[in-house]
Amino acid sequence: MFLPGEMPDCPIETAAKVVGSKWRLMILRELMNGTKRYSEIQKGIPEISQKVLTENLKSMEKDGIIIRTAYAEVPPRVEYSLSPLGGEIRHVMKSLADWGRKYQQVEKQI
């Protein structure tokens, strides 16, 4: 249960905090709307440290969930997107969001 005022606005974040393994879910949430640069992902998850975000992105790339594209430009540009496998999680994320909204409503009534 959340203390008053601690309920996250994002239903996916709510579900992740209740279920566990929050960082990967939050990164997936950020990439569900399309390709993003590192700084855009970090901005969407302000509570994640640079080290944890970097570790998770590398791990998710290794696991085949996201694609990292580096462009040979000055300054260098790197973008992240969902892989075809990672994109398949969309229905799961929607279910988590739906469940998170229901949990938020129950918590508001308690």
N, C-alpha and C. Protein backbone atom coordinates (compact mmCIF):
# COMPACT_ATOMS: atom_id res chain seq x y z
N MET A 1 0.84 -1.19 0.00
CA MET A 1 0.00 0.00 0.00
C MET A 1 0.88 1.24 0.00
N PHE A 2 0.37 2.28 -0.60
CA PHE A 2 1.09 3.54 -0.69
C PHE A 2 0.62 4.48 0.42
N LEU A 3 1.54 5.27 0.93
CA LEU A 3 1.18 6.30 1.89
C LEU A 3 0.46 7.42 1.14
N PRO A 4 -0.36 8.22 1.83
CA PRO A 4 -1.04 9.32 1.16
C PRO A 4 -0.05 10.23 0.43
N GLY A 5 -0.38 10.58 -0.80
CA GLY A 5 0.46 11.45 -1.60
C GLY A 5 1.60 10.75 -2.32
N GLU A 6 1.78 9.44 -2.11
CA GLU A 6 2.88 8.71 -2.76
C GLU A 6 2.42 7.91 -3.98
N MET A 7 1.13 7.93 -4.29
CA MET A 7 0.63 7.18 -5.44
C MET A 7 1.16 7.81 -6.72
N PRO A 8 1.92 7.06 -7.52
CA PRO A 8 2.40 7.61 -8.79
C PRO A 8 1.24 7.93 -9.72
N ASP A 9 1.43 8.91 -10.57
CA ASP A 9 0.41 9.27 -11.56
C ASP A 9 0.30 8.23 -12.65
N CYS A 10 1.43 7.64 -13.00
CA CYS A 10 1.47 6.66 -14.09
C CYS A 10 0.99 5.29 -13.61
N PRO A 11 -0.05 4.74 -14.23
CA PRO A 11 -0.54 3.44 -13.80
C PRO A 11 0.48 2.32 -14.02
N ILE A 12 1.32 2.45 -15.02
CA ILE A 12 2.35 1.42 -15.24
C ILE A 12 3.37 1.45 -14.11
N GLU A 13 3.75 2.65 -13.68
CA GLU A 13 4.67 2.77 -12.55
C GLU A 13 4.06 2.19 -11.28
N THR A 14 2.77 2.43 -11.09
CA THR A 14 2.08 1.87 -9.93
C THR A 14 2.17 0.35 -9.95
N ALA A 15 1.82 -0.25 -11.08
CA ALA A 15 1.87 -1.71 -11.20
C ALA A 15 3.28 -2.22 -10.99
N ALA A 16 4.29 -1.53 -11.54
CA ALA A 16 5.67 -1.97 -11.40
C ALA A 16 6.13 -1.93 -9.95
N LYS A 17 5.72 -0.89 -9.21
CA LYS A 17 6.12 -0.79 -7.81
C LYS A 17 5.46 -1.89 -6.98
N VAL A 18 4.27 -2.28 -7.35
CA VAL A 18 3.58 -3.33 -6.61
C VAL A 18 4.11 -4.70 -7.00
N VAL A 19 4.32 -4.92 -8.30
CA VAL A 19 4.76 -6.22 -8.81
C VAL A 19 6.26 -6.40 -8.69
N GLY A 20 7.04 -5.34 -8.95
CA GLY A 20 8.50 -5.41 -8.88
C GLY A 20 9.16 -5.07 -10.19
N SER A 21 10.48 -5.18 -10.27
CA SER A 21 11.31 -4.90 -11.44
C SER A 21 10.86 -3.66 -12.21
N LYS A 22 10.96 -2.55 -11.55
CA LYS A 22 10.43 -1.30 -12.06
C LYS A 22 11.21 -0.71 -13.24
N TRP A 23 12.52 -0.75 -13.22
CA TRP A 23 13.30 0.00 -14.21
C TRP A 23 13.07 -0.44 -15.64
N ARG A 24 13.07 -1.72 -15.89
CA ARG A 24 12.84 -2.19 -17.26
C ARG A 24 11.45 -1.80 -17.74
N LEU A 25 10.48 -1.91 -16.87
CA LEU A 25 9.12 -1.52 -17.26
C LEU A 25 9.05 -0.03 -17.58
N MET A 26 9.75 0.77 -16.82
CA MET A 26 9.73 2.21 -17.06
C MET A 26 10.44 2.56 -18.38
N ILE A 27 11.53 1.85 -18.67
CA ILE A 27 12.24 2.07 -19.93
C ILE A 27 11.34 1.66 -21.09
N LEU A 28 10.69 0.52 -20.97
CA LEU A 28 9.76 0.08 -22.01
C LEU A 28 8.64 1.08 -22.20
N ARG A 29 8.12 1.60 -21.11
CA ARG A 29 7.06 2.63 -21.18
C ARG A 29 7.54 3.81 -22.02
N GLU A 30 8.77 4.24 -21.80
CA GLU A 30 9.30 5.39 -22.53
C GLU A 30 9.46 5.08 -24.02
N LEU A 31 9.79 3.85 -24.36
CA LEU A 31 10.03 3.49 -25.75
C LEU A 31 8.78 3.04 -26.50
N MET A 32 7.68 2.87 -25.80
CA MET A 32 6.44 2.43 -26.45
C MET A 32 5.93 3.44 -27.47
N ASN A 33 6.25 4.71 -27.32
CA ASN A 33 5.78 5.74 -28.25
C ASN A 33 6.78 6.04 -29.35
N GLY A 34 7.83 5.26 -29.44
CA GLY A 34 8.78 5.45 -30.53
C GLY A 34 10.21 5.57 -30.06
N THR A 35 11.08 5.78 -31.01
CA THR A 35 12.52 5.87 -30.80
C THR A 35 12.86 7.10 -29.97
N LYS A 36 13.79 6.92 -29.03
CA LYS A 36 14.23 8.03 -28.18
C LYS A 36 15.73 7.99 -27.97
N ARG A 37 16.27 9.17 -27.72
CA ARG A 37 17.67 9.28 -27.34
C ARG A 37 17.79 9.05 -25.84
N TYR A 38 19.02 8.77 -25.41
CA TYR A 38 19.29 8.49 -23.99
C TYR A 38 18.72 9.58 -23.09
N SER A 39 18.98 10.84 -23.44
CA SER A 39 18.54 11.95 -22.59
C SER A 39 17.01 12.03 -22.50
N GLU A 40 16.32 11.64 -23.56
CA GLU A 40 14.86 11.65 -23.54
C GLU A 40 14.32 10.56 -22.62
N ILE A 41 14.97 9.40 -22.64
CA ILE A 41 14.57 8.32 -21.73
C ILE A 41 14.81 8.76 -20.29
N GLN A 42 15.99 9.33 -20.05
CA GLN A 42 16.34 9.77 -18.70
C GLN A 42 15.37 10.85 -18.21
N LYS A 43 14.98 11.74 -19.08
CA LYS A 43 14.03 12.80 -18.71
C LYS A 43 12.67 12.22 -18.34
N GLY A 44 12.27 11.14 -19.01
CA GLY A 44 10.99 10.49 -18.73
C GLY A 44 10.99 9.67 -17.46
N ILE A 45 12.18 9.37 -16.95
CA ILE A 45 12.32 8.60 -15.70
C ILE A 45 13.29 9.35 -14.80
N PRO A 46 12.90 10.50 -14.27
CA PRO A 46 13.85 11.35 -13.53
C PRO A 46 14.46 10.69 -12.29
N GLU A 47 13.80 9.70 -11.73
CA GLU A 47 14.34 9.08 -10.51
C GLU A 47 15.41 8.01 -10.77
N ILE A 48 15.66 7.66 -12.04
CA ILE A 48 16.67 6.64 -12.34
C ILE A 48 18.05 7.30 -12.44
N SER A 49 19.05 6.64 -11.89
CA SER A 49 20.42 7.17 -11.98
C SER A 49 20.99 6.86 -13.36
N GLN A 50 22.00 7.62 -13.74
CA GLN A 50 22.66 7.41 -15.03
C GLN A 50 23.23 6.00 -15.11
N LYS A 51 23.84 5.54 -14.02
CA LYS A 51 24.46 4.21 -13.99
C LYS A 51 23.41 3.12 -14.18
N VAL A 52 22.30 3.21 -13.46
CA VAL A 52 21.26 2.20 -13.55
C VAL A 52 20.61 2.21 -14.93
N LEU A 53 20.37 3.39 -15.49
CA LEU A 53 19.79 3.47 -16.83
C LEU A 53 20.73 2.85 -17.86
N THR A 54 22.01 3.20 -17.79
CA THR A 54 22.98 2.65 -18.73
C THR A 54 23.06 1.13 -18.63
N GLU A 55 23.12 0.61 -17.41
CA GLU A 55 23.19 -0.84 -17.21
C GLU A 55 21.95 -1.54 -17.76
N ASN A 56 20.78 -0.96 -17.51
CA ASN A 56 19.55 -1.57 -17.98
C ASN A 56 19.44 -1.52 -19.50
N LEU A 57 19.82 -0.40 -20.11
CA LEU A 57 19.78 -0.31 -21.57
C LEU A 57 20.71 -1.35 -22.21
N LYS A 58 21.91 -1.48 -21.67
CA LYS A 58 22.85 -2.48 -22.20
C LYS A 58 22.28 -3.89 -22.06
N SER A 59 21.74 -4.17 -20.89
CA SER A 59 21.18 -5.49 -20.62
C SER A 59 19.97 -5.78 -21.52
N MET A 60 19.12 -4.78 -21.70
CA MET A 60 17.93 -4.96 -22.54
C MET A 60 18.32 -5.14 -24.01
N GLU A 61 19.37 -4.47 -24.44
CA GLU A 61 19.87 -4.66 -25.80
C GLU A 61 20.41 -6.09 -25.95
N LYS A 62 21.17 -6.52 -24.97
CA LYS A 62 21.73 -7.88 -25.00
C LYS A 62 20.61 -8.92 -25.02
N ASP A 63 19.53 -8.64 -24.31
CA ASP A 63 18.40 -9.57 -24.25
C ASP A 63 17.51 -9.51 -25.49
N GLY A 64 17.80 -8.57 -26.40
CA GLY A 64 17.03 -8.48 -27.63
C GLY A 64 15.71 -7.75 -27.50
N ILE A 65 15.55 -6.99 -26.42
CA ILE A 65 14.29 -6.27 -26.18
C ILE A 65 14.30 -4.90 -26.84
N ILE A 66 15.47 -4.28 -26.88
CA ILE A 66 15.59 -2.97 -27.52
C ILE A 66 16.71 -2.99 -28.54
N ILE A 67 16.68 -2.01 -29.42
CA ILE A 67 17.72 -1.85 -30.44
C ILE A 67 18.42 -0.52 -30.19
N ARG A 68 19.74 -0.57 -30.16
CA ARG A 68 20.56 0.64 -30.01
C ARG A 68 21.16 0.95 -31.36
N THR A 69 20.90 2.17 -31.84
CA THR A 69 21.43 2.60 -33.13
C THR A 69 22.35 3.79 -32.91
N ALA A 70 23.62 3.62 -33.27
CA ALA A 70 24.61 4.69 -33.13
C ALA A 70 24.88 5.27 -34.51
N TYR A 71 24.83 6.60 -34.59
CA TYR A 71 25.09 7.29 -35.85
C TYR A 71 26.48 7.91 -35.81
N ALA A 72 27.22 7.76 -36.88
CA ALA A 72 28.58 8.29 -36.97
C ALA A 72 28.50 9.78 -37.32
N GLU A 73 28.21 10.57 -36.32
CA GLU A 73 28.10 12.02 -36.47
C GLU A 73 28.93 12.69 -35.39
N VAL A 74 29.15 13.97 -35.57
CA VAL A 74 29.82 14.75 -34.54
C VAL A 74 28.86 15.84 -34.12
N PRO A 75 28.43 15.88 -32.87
CA PRO A 75 28.67 14.88 -31.83
C PRO A 75 27.91 13.59 -32.12
N PRO A 76 28.37 12.48 -31.52
CA PRO A 76 27.73 11.18 -31.77
C PRO A 76 26.27 11.21 -31.32
N ARG A 77 25.43 10.48 -32.05
CA ARG A 77 24.02 10.39 -31.71
C ARG A 77 23.67 8.92 -31.57
N VAL A 78 23.00 8.58 -30.47
CA VAL A 78 22.57 7.21 -30.21
C VAL A 78 21.08 7.23 -29.93
N GLU A 79 20.35 6.32 -30.55
CA GLU A 79 18.91 6.22 -30.34
C GLU A 79 18.54 4.80 -29.92
N TYR A 80 17.48 4.71 -29.15
CA TYR A 80 16.98 3.42 -28.67
C TYR A 80 15.55 3.25 -29.13
N SER A 81 15.22 2.02 -29.51
CA SER A 81 13.85 1.69 -29.90
C SER A 81 13.55 0.26 -29.48
N LEU A 82 12.27 -0.07 -29.48
CA LEU A 82 11.89 -1.44 -29.18
C LEU A 82 12.24 -2.34 -30.36
N SER A 83 12.75 -3.51 -30.08
CA SER A 83 12.97 -4.51 -31.11
C SER A 83 11.60 -5.13 -31.44
N PRO A 84 11.52 -5.93 -32.49
CA PRO A 84 10.25 -6.61 -32.74
C PRO A 84 9.79 -7.42 -31.52
N LEU A 85 10.72 -8.08 -30.85
CA LEU A 85 10.38 -8.83 -29.63
C LEU A 85 9.91 -7.89 -28.53
N GLY A 86 10.62 -6.80 -28.33
CA GLY A 86 10.23 -5.83 -27.32
C GLY A 86 8.87 -5.22 -27.61
N GLY A 87 8.57 -5.02 -28.89
CA GLY A 87 7.28 -4.46 -29.27
C GLY A 87 6.11 -5.36 -28.93
N GLU A 88 6.38 -6.66 -28.82
CA GLU A 88 5.31 -7.60 -28.49
C GLU A 88 4.80 -7.44 -27.06
N ILE A 89 5.54 -6.70 -26.24
CA ILE A 89 5.13 -6.52 -24.85
C ILE A 89 4.05 -5.43 -24.70
N ARG A 90 3.70 -4.78 -25.79
CA ARG A 90 2.71 -3.70 -25.73
C ARG A 90 1.42 -4.13 -25.05
N HIS A 91 0.90 -5.30 -25.41
CA HIS A 91 -0.36 -5.74 -24.79
C HIS A 91 -0.19 -6.01 -23.30
N VAL A 92 0.99 -6.47 -22.90
CA VAL A 92 1.27 -6.69 -21.48
C VAL A 92 1.33 -5.35 -20.75
N MET A 93 1.98 -4.38 -21.38
CA MET A 93 2.07 -3.05 -20.77
C MET A 93 0.69 -2.43 -20.63
N LYS A 94 -0.18 -2.63 -21.63
CA LYS A 94 -1.54 -2.11 -21.54
C LYS A 94 -2.28 -2.78 -20.39
N SER A 95 -2.10 -4.08 -20.25
CA SER A 95 -2.73 -4.79 -19.13
C SER A 95 -2.20 -4.29 -17.79
N LEU A 96 -0.90 -4.04 -17.70
CA LEU A 96 -0.33 -3.48 -16.47
C LEU A 96 -0.90 -2.10 -16.18
N ALA A 97 -1.05 -1.29 -17.22
CA ALA A 97 -1.62 0.04 -17.04
C ALA A 97 -3.06 -0.06 -16.54
N ASP A 98 -3.84 -0.96 -17.14
CA ASP A 98 -5.23 -1.15 -16.70
C ASP A 98 -5.28 -1.60 -15.24
N TRP A 99 -4.43 -2.56 -14.90
CA TRP A 99 -4.39 -3.04 -13.52
C TRP A 99 -3.93 -1.94 -12.58
N GLY A 100 -2.93 -1.17 -12.99
CA GLY A 100 -2.43 -0.06 -12.18
C GLY A 100 -3.52 0.97 -11.90
N ARG A 101 -4.34 1.29 -12.91
CA ARG A 101 -5.45 2.23 -12.71
C ARG A 101 -6.44 1.69 -11.69
N LYS A 102 -6.76 0.41 -11.79
CA LYS A 102 -7.69 -0.20 -10.83
C LYS A 102 -7.10 -0.14 -9.42
N TYR A 103 -5.82 -0.44 -9.29
CA TYR A 103 -5.17 -0.40 -7.98
C TYR A 103 -5.19 1.01 -7.42
N GLN A 104 -4.93 1.98 -8.28
CA GLN A 104 -4.96 3.38 -7.83
C GLN A 104 -6.35 3.74 -7.29
N GLN A 105 -7.40 3.27 -7.96
CA GLN A 105 -8.76 3.59 -7.50
C GLN A 105 -9.06 2.93 -6.16
N VAL A 106 -8.63 1.68 -5.98
CA VAL A 106 -8.83 0.99 -4.71
C VAL A 106 -8.09 1.71 -3.60
N GLU A 107 -6.84 2.10 -3.86
CA GLU A 107 -6.03 2.80 -2.85
C GLU A 107 -6.67 4.13 -2.46
N LYS A 108 -7.30 4.81 -3.41
CA LYS A 108 -7.94 6.09 -3.12
C LYS A 108 -9.15 5.90 -2.21
N GLN A 109 -9.76 4.72 -2.25
CA GLN A 109 -10.95 4.46 -1.45
C GLN A 109 -10.62 4.00 -0.03
N ILE A 110 -9.39 3.56 0.17
CA ILE A 110 -9.01 3.04 1.49
C ILE A 110 -8.70 4.18 2.43
